[in-house]
Amino acid sequence: MCPPSGGQPRQPQVHMTTMRLVEIAEVLGVSKQRAHQIANDRAFPAPVAEDGRGRLWDRREVRAWASGGAGRSHGASERTRAAPGRSGPT
């Protein structure tokens, strides 16, 4: 398979700077199913690419979001947050 005209294949660089859903689940400490729900939330960073295996997210953006850079907890959505005075998900 030949690279697109005018450039080199970008796949190795993409995979070093991006992460898949399973890696997002590991970083966030949640199941793959929960990571899928989180990734579909408007507040979560948008995917930067897609290949034959699925969507890819920028590793730095996901880590910034996970560390609270987006001002949002990764453990719960608005619908699943515990009521005041009750313990929420960990």
N, C-alpha and C. Protein backbone atom coordinates (compact mmCIF):
# COMPACT_ATOMS: atom_id res chain seq x y z
N MET A 1 0.84 -1.18 0.00
CA MET A 1 0.00 0.00 0.00
C MET A 1 0.88 1.24 0.00
N CYS A 2 0.62 2.18 -0.86
CA CYS A 2 1.42 3.39 -0.98
C CYS A 2 0.86 4.49 -0.10
N PRO A 3 1.77 5.34 0.44
CA PRO A 3 1.27 6.48 1.23
C PRO A 3 0.57 7.48 0.34
N PRO A 4 -0.32 8.30 0.91
CA PRO A 4 -0.98 9.33 0.11
C PRO A 4 0.06 10.23 -0.55
N SER A 5 -0.26 10.72 -1.75
CA SER A 5 0.70 11.55 -2.46
C SER A 5 1.03 12.79 -1.65
N GLY A 6 2.32 13.17 -1.69
CA GLY A 6 2.76 14.38 -1.01
C GLY A 6 3.05 14.20 0.46
N GLY A 7 3.08 12.97 0.94
CA GLY A 7 3.35 12.80 2.37
C GLY A 7 3.73 11.39 2.73
N GLN A 8 4.14 11.25 3.96
CA GLN A 8 4.51 9.97 4.50
C GLN A 8 3.35 9.42 5.32
N PRO A 9 3.31 8.12 5.52
CA PRO A 9 2.26 7.57 6.37
C PRO A 9 2.36 8.15 7.78
N ARG A 10 1.22 8.53 8.36
CA ARG A 10 1.24 9.16 9.68
C ARG A 10 0.84 8.20 10.79
N GLN A 11 0.54 6.98 10.46
CA GLN A 11 0.03 6.04 11.44
C GLN A 11 0.90 5.88 12.68
N PRO A 12 2.23 5.68 12.59
CA PRO A 12 3.01 5.52 13.81
C PRO A 12 2.91 6.72 14.75
N GLN A 13 2.97 7.92 14.23
CA GLN A 13 2.87 9.11 15.05
C GLN A 13 1.48 9.23 15.67
N VAL A 14 0.44 8.92 14.92
CA VAL A 14 -0.92 8.99 15.43
C VAL A 14 -1.07 8.09 16.63
N HIS A 15 -0.56 6.86 16.55
CA HIS A 15 -0.75 5.91 17.64
C HIS A 15 0.09 6.26 18.87
N MET A 16 1.15 7.02 18.72
CA MET A 16 1.94 7.43 19.87
C MET A 16 1.28 8.57 20.62
N THR A 17 0.50 9.37 19.95
CA THR A 17 -0.10 10.55 20.58
C THR A 17 -1.59 10.41 20.82
N THR A 18 -2.15 9.26 20.45
CA THR A 18 -3.59 9.06 20.60
C THR A 18 -3.85 7.83 21.45
N MET A 19 -5.11 7.71 21.85
CA MET A 19 -5.51 6.54 22.62
C MET A 19 -6.87 6.06 22.18
N ARG A 20 -7.09 4.79 22.37
CA ARG A 20 -8.36 4.16 22.03
C ARG A 20 -9.24 4.10 23.26
N LEU A 21 -10.46 3.69 23.07
CA LEU A 21 -11.44 3.63 24.15
C LEU A 21 -10.97 2.75 25.31
N VAL A 22 -10.36 1.63 25.02
CA VAL A 22 -9.90 0.74 26.09
C VAL A 22 -8.84 1.43 26.95
N GLU A 23 -7.98 2.25 26.34
CA GLU A 23 -6.99 2.99 27.11
C GLU A 23 -7.64 4.09 27.94
N ILE A 24 -8.66 4.71 27.39
CA ILE A 24 -9.40 5.73 28.14
C ILE A 24 -10.01 5.09 29.38
N ALA A 25 -10.58 3.90 29.23
CA ALA A 25 -11.16 3.19 30.37
C ALA A 25 -10.11 2.95 31.44
N GLU A 26 -8.91 2.55 31.04
CA GLU A 26 -7.83 2.30 32.00
C GLU A 26 -7.42 3.58 32.72
N VAL A 27 -7.27 4.67 31.97
CA VAL A 27 -6.87 5.95 32.56
C VAL A 27 -7.92 6.44 33.56
N LEU A 28 -9.19 6.29 33.22
CA LEU A 28 -10.26 6.78 34.07
C LEU A 28 -10.63 5.79 35.18
N GLY A 29 -10.17 4.56 35.07
CA GLY A 29 -10.49 3.55 36.07
C GLY A 29 -11.94 3.10 36.01
N VAL A 30 -12.47 3.01 34.78
CA VAL A 30 -13.86 2.60 34.59
C VAL A 30 -13.91 1.46 33.57
N SER A 31 -15.08 0.87 33.42
CA SER A 31 -15.24 -0.19 32.43
C SER A 31 -15.21 0.41 31.02
N LYS A 32 -15.01 -0.45 30.05
CA LYS A 32 -15.02 0.01 28.66
C LYS A 32 -16.40 0.57 28.30
N GLN A 33 -17.45 -0.04 28.82
CA GLN A 33 -18.80 0.44 28.54
C GLN A 33 -19.00 1.84 29.11
N ARG A 34 -18.50 2.07 30.34
CA ARG A 34 -18.63 3.40 30.96
C ARG A 34 -17.76 4.41 30.19
N ALA A 35 -16.60 3.99 29.75
CA ALA A 35 -15.73 4.88 28.97
C ALA A 35 -16.43 5.29 27.68
N HIS A 36 -17.17 4.38 27.09
CA HIS A 36 -17.93 4.69 25.86
C HIS A 36 -18.97 5.77 26.16
N GLN A 37 -19.68 5.64 27.29
CA GLN A 37 -20.67 6.64 27.67
C GLN A 37 -20.01 7.99 27.90
N ILE A 38 -18.88 7.99 28.60
CA ILE A 38 -18.17 9.24 28.89
C ILE A 38 -17.68 9.88 27.59
N ALA A 39 -17.14 9.06 26.69
CA ALA A 39 -16.59 9.59 25.43
C ALA A 39 -17.67 10.21 24.56
N ASN A 40 -18.92 9.80 24.74
CA ASN A 40 -20.02 10.38 23.96
C ASN A 40 -20.60 11.64 24.60
N ASP A 41 -20.12 12.00 25.78
CA ASP A 41 -20.59 13.21 26.46
C ASP A 41 -20.02 14.44 25.76
N ARG A 42 -20.82 15.48 25.65
CA ARG A 42 -20.37 16.72 24.97
C ARG A 42 -19.16 17.35 25.64
N ALA A 43 -19.02 17.15 26.95
CA ALA A 43 -17.90 17.76 27.69
C ALA A 43 -16.58 17.03 27.46
N PHE A 44 -16.63 15.82 26.95
CA PHE A 44 -15.41 15.04 26.73
C PHE A 44 -14.75 15.50 25.43
N PRO A 45 -13.42 15.47 25.37
CA PRO A 45 -12.73 15.88 24.12
C PRO A 45 -13.22 15.07 22.92
N ALA A 46 -13.32 15.71 21.80
CA ALA A 46 -13.75 15.05 20.57
C ALA A 46 -12.63 14.15 20.04
N PRO A 47 -13.00 13.06 19.37
CA PRO A 47 -11.97 12.23 18.74
C PRO A 47 -11.20 13.04 17.70
N VAL A 48 -9.93 12.73 17.54
CA VAL A 48 -9.10 13.45 16.57
C VAL A 48 -8.93 12.67 15.28
N ALA A 49 -9.24 11.38 15.30
CA ALA A 49 -9.09 10.56 14.11
C ALA A 49 -9.93 9.30 14.27
N GLU A 50 -10.06 8.58 13.17
CA GLU A 50 -10.74 7.30 13.19
C GLU A 50 -10.03 6.40 12.19
N ASP A 51 -9.83 5.15 12.59
CA ASP A 51 -9.24 4.20 11.66
C ASP A 51 -10.16 3.00 11.57
N GLY A 52 -9.74 1.95 10.96
CA GLY A 52 -10.58 0.78 10.77
C GLY A 52 -10.98 0.10 12.07
N ARG A 53 -10.31 0.41 13.16
CA ARG A 53 -10.61 -0.22 14.45
C ARG A 53 -11.44 0.67 15.36
N GLY A 54 -11.63 1.93 15.02
CA GLY A 54 -12.45 2.81 15.86
C GLY A 54 -11.89 4.21 15.98
N ARG A 55 -12.47 4.96 16.93
CA ARG A 55 -12.09 6.36 17.12
C ARG A 55 -10.81 6.46 17.94
N LEU A 56 -10.10 7.57 17.74
CA LEU A 56 -8.86 7.85 18.46
C LEU A 56 -8.96 9.24 19.08
N TRP A 57 -8.52 9.35 20.33
CA TRP A 57 -8.53 10.61 21.04
C TRP A 57 -7.11 11.06 21.32
N ASP A 58 -6.91 12.37 21.39
CA ASP A 58 -5.61 12.94 21.73
C ASP A 58 -5.30 12.59 23.19
N ARG A 59 -4.18 11.94 23.40
CA ARG A 59 -3.79 11.48 24.73
C ARG A 59 -3.70 12.63 25.73
N ARG A 60 -3.13 13.76 25.31
CA ARG A 60 -2.98 14.91 26.23
C ARG A 60 -4.33 15.50 26.60
N GLU A 61 -5.24 15.59 25.64
CA GLU A 61 -6.57 16.14 25.93
C GLU A 61 -7.34 15.26 26.90
N VAL A 62 -7.25 13.95 26.71
CA VAL A 62 -7.95 13.02 27.61
C VAL A 62 -7.37 13.11 29.01
N ARG A 63 -6.05 13.13 29.12
CA ARG A 63 -5.43 13.22 30.45
C ARG A 63 -5.75 14.54 31.13
N ALA A 64 -5.80 15.63 30.38
CA ALA A 64 -6.17 16.93 30.95
C ALA A 64 -7.61 16.89 31.43
N TRP A 65 -8.49 16.30 30.65
CA TRP A 65 -9.89 16.18 31.05
C TRP A 65 -10.01 15.33 32.31
N ALA A 66 -9.27 14.22 32.35
CA ALA A 66 -9.33 13.30 33.49
C ALA A 66 -8.80 13.95 34.77
N SER A 67 -7.84 14.85 34.63
CA SER A 67 -7.28 15.49 35.82
C SER A 67 -8.09 16.70 36.26
N GLY A 68 -9.22 16.91 35.61
CA GLY A 68 -10.10 18.01 36.01
C GLY A 68 -9.91 19.26 35.19
N GLY A 69 -9.09 19.20 34.17
CA GLY A 69 -8.85 20.36 33.32
C GLY A 69 -10.10 20.86 32.62
N ALA A 70 -11.09 19.97 32.49
CA ALA A 70 -12.33 20.38 31.84
C ALA A 70 -13.37 20.79 32.88
N GLY A 71 -12.97 20.82 34.16
CA GLY A 71 -13.89 21.24 35.20
C GLY A 71 -15.01 20.26 35.46
N ARG A 72 -14.76 18.99 35.24
CA ARG A 72 -15.82 17.99 35.34
C ARG A 72 -15.26 16.70 35.90
N SER A 73 -16.00 16.05 36.73
CA SER A 73 -15.59 14.75 37.28
C SER A 73 -15.78 13.67 36.23
N HIS A 74 -14.82 12.76 36.13
CA HIS A 74 -14.97 11.68 35.17
C HIS A 74 -15.72 10.50 35.73
N GLY A 75 -16.01 10.51 37.01
CA GLY A 75 -16.66 9.38 37.64
C GLY A 75 -18.16 9.36 37.48
N ALA A 76 -18.76 10.49 37.16
CA ALA A 76 -20.22 10.51 37.10
C ALA A 76 -20.70 11.61 36.17
N SER A 77 -21.76 11.32 35.47
CA SER A 77 -22.39 12.34 34.65
C SER A 77 -23.38 13.09 35.51
N GLU A 78 -23.99 14.11 34.99
CA GLU A 78 -24.98 14.87 35.74
C GLU A 78 -26.12 13.97 36.21
N ARG A 79 -26.50 13.00 35.40
CA ARG A 79 -27.61 12.12 35.75
C ARG A 79 -27.25 11.14 36.85
N THR A 80 -25.97 10.77 36.97
CA THR A 80 -25.61 9.74 37.93
C THR A 80 -24.94 10.30 39.18
N ARG A 81 -24.84 11.60 39.30
CA ARG A 81 -24.25 12.17 40.51
C ARG A 81 -25.15 11.90 41.70
N ALA A 82 -24.53 11.66 42.84
CA ALA A 82 -25.30 11.37 44.05
C ALA A 82 -25.98 12.63 44.54
N ALA A 83 -27.08 12.45 45.21
CA ALA A 83 -27.81 13.59 45.81
C ALA A 83 -26.95 14.19 46.91
N PRO A 84 -27.14 15.49 47.23
CA PRO A 84 -26.34 16.11 48.28
C PRO A 84 -26.45 15.31 49.58
N GLY A 85 -25.29 15.15 50.23
CA GLY A 85 -25.25 14.42 51.47
C GLY A 85 -25.08 12.92 51.30
N ARG A 86 -25.07 12.45 50.07
CA ARG A 86 -24.87 11.02 49.80
C ARG A 86 -23.55 10.82 49.10
N SER A 87 -22.98 9.70 49.31
CA SER A 87 -21.71 9.38 48.69
C SER A 87 -21.93 9.08 47.21
N GLY A 88 -21.08 9.63 46.38
CA GLY A 88 -21.16 9.39 44.94
C GLY A 88 -20.23 8.28 44.52
N PRO A 89 -20.14 8.00 43.22
CA PRO A 89 -19.24 6.96 42.72
C PRO A 89 -17.79 7.35 42.94
N THR A 90 -16.95 6.35 43.08
CA THR A 90 -15.53 6.60 43.31
C THR A 90 -14.72 6.24 42.12
